[in-house]
Amino acid sequence: MGLQQLTATRGAELKGAETGEAAVLAPRVGNRALFGGLALLTTVIVLLDLGSGDELRIVPLLVVVPALVSVFGTIRQTVGVASWIMVVAVTSRLVTGGTFWDITSSVIFTVLACFLGVGACALRIRHATEIARLRSAAVALQRQILRPLPIVTDQVVAHGTYAPIEEDRLVGGDIYEVVSSPYGTRVIIGDVQGKGLAAIGAGFAVLGAFREAAIREPSLTGVVDALEDAVARHNAFSAQTGEIERFVTALVLGFDGDGRVQAVNCGHLLPRLLHDGVACPAPLRRTSVPLGLAELSSEARVTEWLDFPAGATLLMFTDGVTEARDAAGAFYPLDTRLGHWTHHGPRELLDALHRDLEEFSGGVRRDDIAVLAVRRKQSGSPMRPEDPDRGARRATEAFSGR
């Protein structure tokens, strides 16, 4: 979830809702099509009414039309339809005759039904406006929590995808960040225990601490220590407010441009290294406890080194990928599938992973998904995509299905 496409979508919805000229919760119907259909419907109903005789009156059924239009039309369209229906229904009732009370009650009922249709449309537009504004604010907030991908620094280019399991939210419990610092590029990918707003709060605490520590701390272990402190403070506050304390699995990497990468693994899944036609787990042998659980271990977190040659892709991911299941309950065979895509570029690799993951799971996601595909930046070349939002849009559209 880069989320540039969602941002554009929410902005369009907000604009339409504020002007009242577009239905936010449903596509707008053009005036020509709407009133052309209305004229045809009116003609058919009137002819049927004339053919049915005095015992069965069909024209009064037209009062439901403004209510139907209020579901998808604008206020102006609903008023136009209601006015036309009132004219037709009232004229028909006056022509057919009857007692004064029969005619009066019929006219009152018709006018009341049409006004109710217009009122329902106005309430729908008002509610849609509020929802669109809330979504627009959520997009702006999300962009402060998770930056759109891809992200380019002096050392690396990071492509990625992000998709929270709850489709009414733009942010879930998975986190990522790429920071350019005086000590090289620092990267984090993590997974907060649990789901919901509490998990998002813990993730935001980690991201805020990472953005500061990545620039301030000379060593990668110093960065991780700052993240541990941030989670501990967040948990202390959660305990005071009666919320559940959380831990965060995280993989923190440091790229300094010399062909090697530093790594501190805090209980996270091992990344995969794709190079020269081979895909294999990165050879990290030390896995520390997750962030927030340091007091349970007597061992300090240490830095390991990995070879990261030019042209290689380092794939980092959360357990939403490895724990995806098929209809029979089998887990997704990530390592087997990656062996078929070792010569793909980062963007093509992510696209292939998405298609295969969706086919394998039948489109059913059981957890948030975050994936980063990192490649060294070629010396002497800016390596900036022609459209830096293209990857974000494709990733968001693919995983979220919106």
Protein backbone atom coordinates (compact mmCIF):
# COMPACT_ATOMS: atom_id res chain seq x y z
CA MET A 1 0.00 0.00 0.00
CA GLY A 2 2.65 2.68 -1.99
CA LEU A 3 -0.70 4.33 -1.86
CA GLN A 4 -0.62 7.02 -4.52
CA GLN A 5 -3.56 5.53 -6.38
CA LEU A 6 -5.67 5.39 -3.22
CA THR A 7 -4.81 9.02 -2.54
CA ALA A 8 -6.00 10.05 -5.99
CA THR A 9 -9.17 7.99 -5.62
CA ARG A 10 -10.04 9.46 -2.24
CA GLY A 11 -9.36 12.97 -3.51
CA ALA A 12 -11.73 12.46 -6.44
CA GLU A 13 -14.40 11.10 -4.11
CA LEU A 14 -14.02 14.10 -1.80
CA LYS A 15 -14.30 16.59 -4.64
CA GLY A 16 -17.43 14.90 -5.97
CA ALA A 17 -19.06 14.79 -2.57
CA GLU A 18 -18.34 18.42 -1.76
CA THR A 19 -19.82 19.71 -5.00
CA GLY A 20 -22.85 17.46 -4.75
CA GLU A 21 -22.54 16.78 -8.47
CA ALA A 22 -21.29 13.20 -8.15
CA ALA A 23 -22.42 10.33 -6.00
CA VAL A 24 -19.51 9.18 -3.88
CA LEU A 25 -20.91 5.83 -2.91
CA ALA A 26 -22.12 4.87 -6.40
CA PRO A 27 -21.39 5.87 -9.99
CA ARG A 28 -23.32 8.82 -11.38
CA VAL A 29 -25.94 8.34 -14.10
CA GLY A 30 -26.02 10.93 -16.86
CA ASN A 31 -29.02 13.25 -17.16
CA ARG A 32 -29.82 12.10 -20.70
CA ALA A 33 -29.92 8.44 -19.73
CA LEU A 34 -31.83 9.12 -16.53
CA PHE A 35 -34.58 11.30 -17.96
CA GLY A 36 -34.79 9.26 -21.13
CA GLY A 37 -35.46 6.18 -19.03
CA LEU A 38 -37.93 8.15 -16.91
CA ALA A 39 -39.91 9.26 -19.98
CA LEU A 40 -40.03 5.68 -21.25
CA LEU A 41 -41.10 4.33 -17.86
CA THR A 42 -43.79 7.00 -17.50
CA THR A 43 -45.19 6.24 -20.95
CA VAL A 44 -45.35 2.50 -20.23
CA ILE A 45 -47.00 2.99 -16.83
CA VAL A 46 -49.58 5.43 -18.17
CA LEU A 47 -50.50 3.12 -21.06
CA LEU A 48 -50.83 0.17 -18.69
CA ASP A 49 -52.98 2.29 -16.39
CA LEU A 50 -55.28 3.27 -19.25
CA GLY A 51 -55.60 -0.35 -20.29
CA SER A 52 -56.30 -1.68 -16.81
CA GLY A 53 -59.53 0.27 -16.32
CA ASP A 54 -60.83 1.98 -13.20
CA GLU A 55 -60.48 -1.04 -10.94
CA LEU A 56 -56.68 -1.12 -10.99
CA ARG A 57 -54.67 2.09 -10.87
CA ILE A 58 -50.95 1.71 -11.75
CA VAL A 59 -49.82 5.33 -12.03
CA PRO A 60 -49.58 5.79 -8.21
CA LEU A 61 -46.75 3.24 -8.26
CA LEU A 62 -44.55 5.92 -9.87
CA VAL A 63 -44.03 7.49 -6.42
CA VAL A 64 -41.29 4.92 -5.75
CA VAL A 65 -39.16 6.28 -8.60
CA PRO A 66 -37.76 9.33 -6.69
CA ALA A 67 -36.76 7.00 -3.86
CA LEU A 68 -34.85 4.80 -6.31
CA VAL A 69 -33.13 7.77 -7.93
CA SER A 70 -32.10 9.11 -4.51
CA VAL A 71 -29.89 6.03 -4.07
CA PHE A 72 -27.55 6.87 -6.96
CA GLY A 73 -28.46 10.30 -8.34
CA THR A 74 -27.56 13.85 -7.36
CA ILE A 75 -29.94 16.16 -5.52
CA ARG A 76 -30.67 18.05 -8.73
CA GLN A 77 -31.54 14.83 -10.56
CA THR A 78 -33.75 13.63 -7.72
CA VAL A 79 -35.62 16.95 -7.60
CA GLY A 80 -36.17 16.81 -11.35
CA VAL A 81 -37.49 13.25 -11.23
CA ALA A 82 -39.70 14.02 -8.21
CA SER A 83 -41.20 17.09 -9.91
CA TRP A 84 -42.01 15.11 -13.04
CA ILE A 85 -43.58 12.27 -11.05
CA MET A 86 -45.71 14.71 -9.06
CA VAL A 87 -47.00 16.30 -12.25
CA VAL A 88 -47.82 12.96 -13.87
CA ALA A 89 -49.34 11.35 -10.77
CA VAL A 90 -51.41 14.36 -9.72
CA THR A 91 -52.65 15.02 -13.27
CA SER A 92 -53.61 11.35 -13.66
CA ARG A 93 -55.53 11.41 -10.39
CA LEU A 94 -57.40 14.58 -11.31
CA VAL A 95 -58.30 13.14 -14.71
CA THR A 96 -59.64 9.90 -13.29
CA GLY A 97 -61.79 11.80 -10.83
CA GLY A 98 -63.24 10.59 -7.54
CA THR A 99 -64.34 12.02 -4.25
CA PHE A 100 -62.67 15.11 -2.84
CA TRP A 101 -61.08 13.11 -0.05
CA ASP A 102 -59.75 10.43 -2.44
CA ILE A 103 -58.15 13.03 -4.70
CA THR A 104 -56.75 15.08 -1.79
CA SER A 105 -55.24 12.08 0.01
CA SER A 106 -53.69 10.79 -3.21
CA VAL A 107 -52.12 14.17 -4.00
CA ILE A 108 -50.78 14.55 -0.46
CA PHE A 109 -49.31 11.04 -0.50
CA THR A 110 -47.62 11.67 -3.86
CA VAL A 111 -46.11 14.99 -2.79
CA LEU A 112 -44.94 13.55 0.54
CA ALA A 113 -43.31 10.52 -1.12
CA CYS A 114 -41.46 12.75 -3.58
CA PHE A 115 -40.22 15.07 -0.83
CA LEU A 116 -39.02 12.07 1.17
CA GLY A 117 -37.03 10.89 -1.87
CA VAL A 118 -35.33 14.28 -2.19
CA GLY A 119 -34.61 14.35 1.55
CA ALA A 120 -33.09 10.87 1.43
CA CYS A 121 -30.82 11.93 -1.43
CA ALA A 122 -29.66 15.02 0.50
CA LEU A 123 -28.85 12.90 3.56
CA ARG A 124 -26.94 10.41 1.42
CA ILE A 125 -24.86 13.14 -0.18
CA ARG A 126 -24.14 14.67 3.22
CA HIS A 127 -23.07 11.32 4.65
CA ALA A 128 -20.95 10.62 1.56
CA THR A 129 -19.24 13.98 1.98
CA GLU A 130 -18.34 13.19 5.58
CA ILE A 131 -17.02 9.74 4.65
CA ALA A 132 -14.95 11.16 1.80
CA ARG A 133 -13.42 13.79 4.09
CA LEU A 134 -12.57 11.16 6.69
CA ARG A 135 -10.97 8.98 4.03
CA SER A 136 -9.01 11.89 2.67
CA ALA A 137 -7.74 12.64 6.17
CA ALA A 138 -6.88 8.96 6.61
CA VAL A 139 -4.86 9.01 3.39
CA ALA A 140 -2.96 12.10 4.53
CA LEU A 141 -2.26 10.46 7.90
CA GLN A 142 -1.21 7.22 6.24
CA ARG A 143 1.28 9.03 4.06
CA GLN A 144 2.93 10.28 7.24
CA ILE A 145 3.06 6.74 8.66
CA LEU A 146 4.12 4.76 5.58
CA ARG A 147 5.77 6.50 2.64
CA PRO A 148 4.73 5.60 -0.90
CA LEU A 149 7.01 3.18 -2.73
CA PRO A 150 9.39 2.98 -4.53
CA ILE A 151 11.96 4.87 -2.42
CA VAL A 152 15.35 5.80 -3.90
CA THR A 153 18.45 6.69 -1.85
CA ASP A 154 22.12 7.10 -2.67
CA GLN A 155 22.74 3.40 -2.00
CA VAL A 156 19.59 1.47 -2.90
CA VAL A 157 16.27 1.44 -4.72
CA ALA A 158 13.45 -0.09 -2.67
CA HIS A 159 10.31 -1.29 -4.42
CA GLY A 160 7.50 -2.81 -2.45
CA THR A 161 3.88 -3.63 -1.85
CA TYR A 162 1.65 -3.12 1.16
CA ALA A 163 -1.87 -4.41 1.79
CA PRO A 164 -3.62 -4.41 5.18
CA ILE A 165 -6.07 -7.23 5.75
CA GLU A 166 -8.87 -4.86 6.76
CA GLU A 167 -9.96 -3.15 3.55
CA ASP A 168 -11.59 -0.24 5.35
CA ARG A 169 -8.16 0.76 6.65
CA LEU A 170 -5.14 2.00 4.80
CA VAL A 171 -2.64 0.97 7.47
CA GLY A 172 -2.28 -2.32 9.30
CA GLY A 173 0.12 -3.88 11.76
CA ASP A 174 2.96 -4.33 9.26
CA ILE A 175 5.50 -1.51 8.95
CA TYR A 176 8.40 -0.52 6.71
CA GLU A 177 10.68 2.45 6.24
CA VAL A 178 13.78 3.45 4.25
CA VAL A 179 15.92 6.30 5.63
CA SER A 180 18.97 7.94 4.08
CA SER A 181 21.41 8.78 6.86
CA PRO A 182 25.03 9.98 7.25
CA TYR A 183 25.91 6.32 7.82
CA GLY A 184 24.22 4.98 4.69
CA THR A 185 20.71 3.77 4.03
CA ARG A 186 18.84 2.16 6.92
CA VAL A 187 15.86 -0.07 6.19
CA ILE A 188 13.30 -1.66 8.50
CA ILE A 189 10.44 -4.06 7.94
CA GLY A 190 8.39 -5.26 10.86
CA ASP A 191 5.24 -6.95 12.05
CA VAL A 192 3.38 -5.82 15.16
CA GLN A 193 1.76 -8.48 17.30
CA GLY A 194 -1.98 -8.54 16.79
CA LYS A 195 -4.23 -6.34 14.68
CA GLY A 196 -6.42 -3.29 15.01
CA LEU A 197 -5.79 0.26 16.18
CA ALA A 198 -3.59 -0.82 19.10
CA ALA A 199 -1.23 -2.61 16.70
CA ILE A 200 -1.14 0.47 14.47
CA GLY A 201 -0.18 2.59 17.48
CA ALA A 202 2.73 0.31 18.34
CA GLY A 203 3.88 0.31 14.73
CA PHE A 204 3.78 4.10 14.61
CA ALA A 205 5.91 4.26 17.76
CA VAL A 206 8.54 2.05 16.10
CA LEU A 207 8.52 4.06 12.88
CA GLY A 208 8.91 7.38 14.68
CA ALA A 209 11.84 6.06 16.69
CA PHE A 210 13.45 4.52 13.61
CA ARG A 211 13.32 7.74 11.60
CA GLU A 212 15.15 9.61 14.33
CA ALA A 213 17.59 6.89 15.40
CA ALA A 214 18.53 5.94 11.84
CA ILE A 215 20.01 9.41 11.37
CA ARG A 216 21.34 9.90 14.88
CA GLU A 217 22.92 6.55 15.79
CA PRO A 218 26.29 5.59 14.21
CA SER A 219 25.78 1.85 14.78
CA LEU A 220 22.91 -0.37 13.70
CA THR A 221 22.67 -1.89 17.17
CA GLY A 222 22.25 1.65 18.51
CA VAL A 223 19.29 2.08 16.18
CA VAL A 224 17.75 -1.17 17.40
CA ASP A 225 18.27 -0.18 21.04
CA ALA A 226 16.34 3.03 20.36
CA LEU A 227 13.52 0.97 18.82
CA GLU A 228 13.48 -1.29 21.88
CA ASP A 229 13.15 1.74 24.15
CA ALA A 230 10.30 3.10 22.01
CA VAL A 231 8.33 -0.15 22.24
CA ALA A 232 8.96 -0.34 26.00
CA ARG A 233 7.63 3.21 26.45
CA HIS A 234 4.62 2.44 24.28
CA ASN A 235 3.86 -0.70 26.29
CA ALA A 236 4.19 1.20 29.56
CA PHE A 237 1.64 3.71 28.34
CA SER A 238 -0.61 0.88 27.10
CA ALA A 239 -0.50 -0.78 30.50
CA GLN A 240 -1.63 2.47 32.14
CA THR A 241 -4.59 2.75 29.77
CA GLY A 242 -5.60 -0.90 30.06
CA GLU A 243 -4.51 -1.92 26.57
CA ILE A 244 -2.59 -5.05 25.69
CA GLU A 245 1.18 -4.74 25.52
CA ARG A 246 2.68 -5.56 22.13
CA PHE A 247 5.92 -6.86 20.72
CA VAL A 248 7.25 -6.21 17.23
CA THR A 249 9.29 -8.54 15.06
CA ALA A 250 11.66 -6.50 12.93
CA LEU A 251 14.52 -6.81 10.50
CA VAL A 252 16.81 -3.77 10.43
CA LEU A 253 19.37 -3.39 7.65
CA GLY A 254 22.14 -0.95 6.89
CA PHE A 255 23.50 -0.31 3.38
CA ASP A 256 26.72 1.70 3.04
CA GLY A 257 27.41 1.12 -0.65
CA ASP A 258 30.44 -1.17 -0.32
CA GLY A 259 28.75 -4.37 -1.50
CA ARG A 260 27.84 -5.59 1.95
CA VAL A 261 24.86 -5.04 4.19
CA GLN A 262 24.56 -5.00 7.97
CA ALA A 263 21.60 -6.75 9.57
CA VAL A 264 20.06 -7.08 13.01
CA ASN A 265 17.23 -9.60 13.15
CA CYS A 266 14.73 -9.11 15.95
CA GLY A 267 12.64 -12.24 15.62
CA HIS A 268 11.68 -11.56 12.02
CA LEU A 269 11.56 -13.84 8.98
CA LEU A 270 14.84 -14.24 7.12
CA PRO A 271 15.05 -12.21 3.91
CA ARG A 272 15.68 -13.97 0.60
CA LEU A 273 18.64 -13.13 -1.62
CA LEU A 274 18.12 -13.54 -5.38
CA HIS A 275 21.29 -13.49 -7.48
CA ASP A 276 22.82 -15.37 -10.43
CA GLY A 277 19.74 -17.55 -10.92
CA VAL A 278 19.60 -18.64 -7.28
CA ALA A 279 17.13 -17.70 -4.55
CA CYS A 280 18.02 -18.63 -0.99
CA PRO A 281 17.48 -17.44 2.59
CA ALA A 282 20.03 -14.85 3.65
CA PRO A 283 22.67 -16.49 5.90
CA LEU A 284 21.78 -14.74 9.14
CA ARG A 285 22.63 -16.97 12.09
CA ARG A 286 21.68 -14.76 15.01
CA THR A 287 18.03 -14.09 15.69
CA SER A 288 17.33 -11.92 18.71
CA VAL A 289 14.07 -11.56 20.58
CA PRO A 290 11.43 -9.23 19.09
CA LEU A 291 11.32 -5.56 20.03
CA GLY A 292 9.66 -5.11 23.41
CA LEU A 293 10.95 -8.40 24.84
CA ALA A 294 14.61 -7.55 25.45
CA GLU A 295 14.23 -8.01 29.20
CA LEU A 296 13.46 -11.69 28.60
CA SER A 297 16.88 -12.33 27.06
CA SER A 298 20.33 -11.96 28.55
CA GLU A 299 22.00 -11.76 25.13
CA ALA A 300 22.63 -8.40 23.51
CA ARG A 301 21.59 -7.90 19.93
CA VAL A 302 24.50 -8.10 17.48
CA THR A 303 25.13 -7.03 13.91
CA GLU A 304 25.76 -9.54 11.14
CA TRP A 305 27.11 -8.91 7.64
CA LEU A 306 25.76 -10.12 4.31
CA ASP A 307 27.24 -9.95 0.84
CA PHE A 308 25.01 -7.87 -1.41
CA PRO A 309 26.50 -7.80 -4.91
CA ALA A 310 25.34 -5.51 -7.69
CA GLY A 311 22.35 -6.96 -9.54
CA ALA A 312 21.17 -8.95 -6.53
CA THR A 313 17.72 -8.41 -5.02
CA LEU A 314 17.09 -8.67 -1.31
CA LEU A 315 13.47 -9.62 -0.66
CA MET A 316 12.07 -8.72 2.76
CA PHE A 317 8.53 -9.67 3.76
CA THR A 318 6.12 -10.28 6.64
CA ASP A 319 4.32 -13.49 7.54
CA GLY A 320 1.26 -12.48 5.54
CA VAL A 321 3.18 -13.98 2.61
CA THR A 322 4.57 -17.19 4.14
CA GLU A 323 1.39 -17.96 6.09
CA ALA A 324 -0.97 -17.58 3.15
CA ARG A 325 -2.89 -20.84 2.64
CA ASP A 326 -4.65 -22.60 -0.18
CA ALA A 327 -8.07 -24.22 0.00
CA ALA A 328 -6.55 -27.36 1.55
CA GLY A 329 -4.80 -25.36 4.29
CA ALA A 330 -1.25 -25.74 2.92
CA PHE A 331 1.15 -22.83 3.42
CA TYR A 332 2.50 -20.84 0.51
CA PRO A 333 5.80 -22.39 -0.75
CA LEU A 334 7.71 -19.12 -1.09
CA ASP A 335 11.20 -20.54 -1.62
CA THR A 336 10.02 -22.91 -4.32
CA ARG A 337 8.22 -20.14 -6.20
CA LEU A 338 11.08 -17.67 -5.91
CA GLY A 339 13.33 -20.11 -7.74
CA HIS A 340 11.30 -19.41 -10.90
CA TRP A 341 11.74 -15.63 -10.69
CA THR A 342 15.45 -15.21 -9.94
CA HIS A 343 16.11 -13.24 -13.13
CA HIS A 344 13.22 -10.81 -12.60
CA GLY A 345 13.77 -7.19 -11.69
CA PRO A 346 12.30 -5.96 -8.39
CA ARG A 347 9.05 -4.70 -9.90
CA GLU A 348 8.54 -7.80 -12.05
CA LEU A 349 9.36 -9.99 -9.06
CA LEU A 350 6.70 -8.31 -6.94
CA ASP A 351 4.12 -8.58 -9.73
CA ALA A 352 4.86 -12.28 -10.18
CA LEU A 353 4.67 -12.85 -6.43
CA HIS A 354 1.32 -11.10 -6.26
CA ARG A 355 -0.24 -13.05 -9.10
CA ASP A 356 0.96 -16.37 -7.75
CA LEU A 357 -0.03 -15.55 -4.18
CA GLU A 358 -3.52 -14.50 -5.22
CA GLU A 359 -3.98 -17.64 -7.31
CA PHE A 360 -2.63 -19.87 -4.54
CA SER A 361 -4.85 -18.40 -1.80
CA GLY A 362 -7.90 -17.85 -3.98
CA GLY A 363 -7.76 -14.16 -3.18
CA VAL A 364 -8.30 -14.77 0.55
CA ARG A 365 -5.89 -12.87 2.83
CA ARG A 366 -5.55 -13.84 6.47
CA ASP A 367 -2.99 -11.25 7.50
CA ASP A 368 -1.43 -7.95 6.48
CA ILE A 369 1.11 -8.16 3.66
CA ALA A 370 4.27 -6.09 3.38
CA VAL A 371 7.04 -6.86 0.90
CA LEU A 372 10.20 -4.90 0.08
CA ALA A 373 12.45 -5.73 -2.87
CA VAL A 374 15.75 -3.86 -2.44
CA ARG A 375 18.48 -3.58 -5.06
CA ARG A 376 21.78 -1.70 -4.99
CA LYS A 377 21.80 1.55 -6.88
CA GLN A 378 24.11 1.44 -9.87
CA SER A 379 27.02 3.87 -9.62
CA GLY A 380 26.80 6.80 -12.00
CA SER A 381 23.10 6.24 -12.67
CA PRO A 382 20.21 7.89 -10.82
CA MET A 383 18.06 4.79 -11.37
CA ARG A 384 14.90 6.73 -10.68
CA PRO A 385 11.81 5.24 -12.30
CA GLU A 386 10.28 7.29 -15.09
CA ASP A 387 7.10 7.38 -13.06
CA PRO A 388 7.94 6.94 -9.35
CA ASP A 389 4.29 6.36 -8.49
CA ARG A 390 3.74 3.66 -11.10
CA GLY A 391 4.97 0.87 -8.90
CA ALA A 392 2.94 2.13 -5.97
CA ARG A 393 -0.23 2.23 -8.03
CA ARG A 394 0.25 -1.23 -9.48
CA ALA A 395 1.06 -2.72 -6.09
CA THR A 396 -1.93 -1.13 -4.41
CA GLU A 397 -4.37 -2.05 -7.17
CA ALA A 398 -3.07 -5.60 -7.28
CA PHE A 399 -3.12 -6.47 -3.60
CA SER A 400 -6.13 -4.48 -2.46
CA GLY A 401 -8.35 -5.24 -5.47
CA ARG A 402 -9.67 -1.69 -5.52
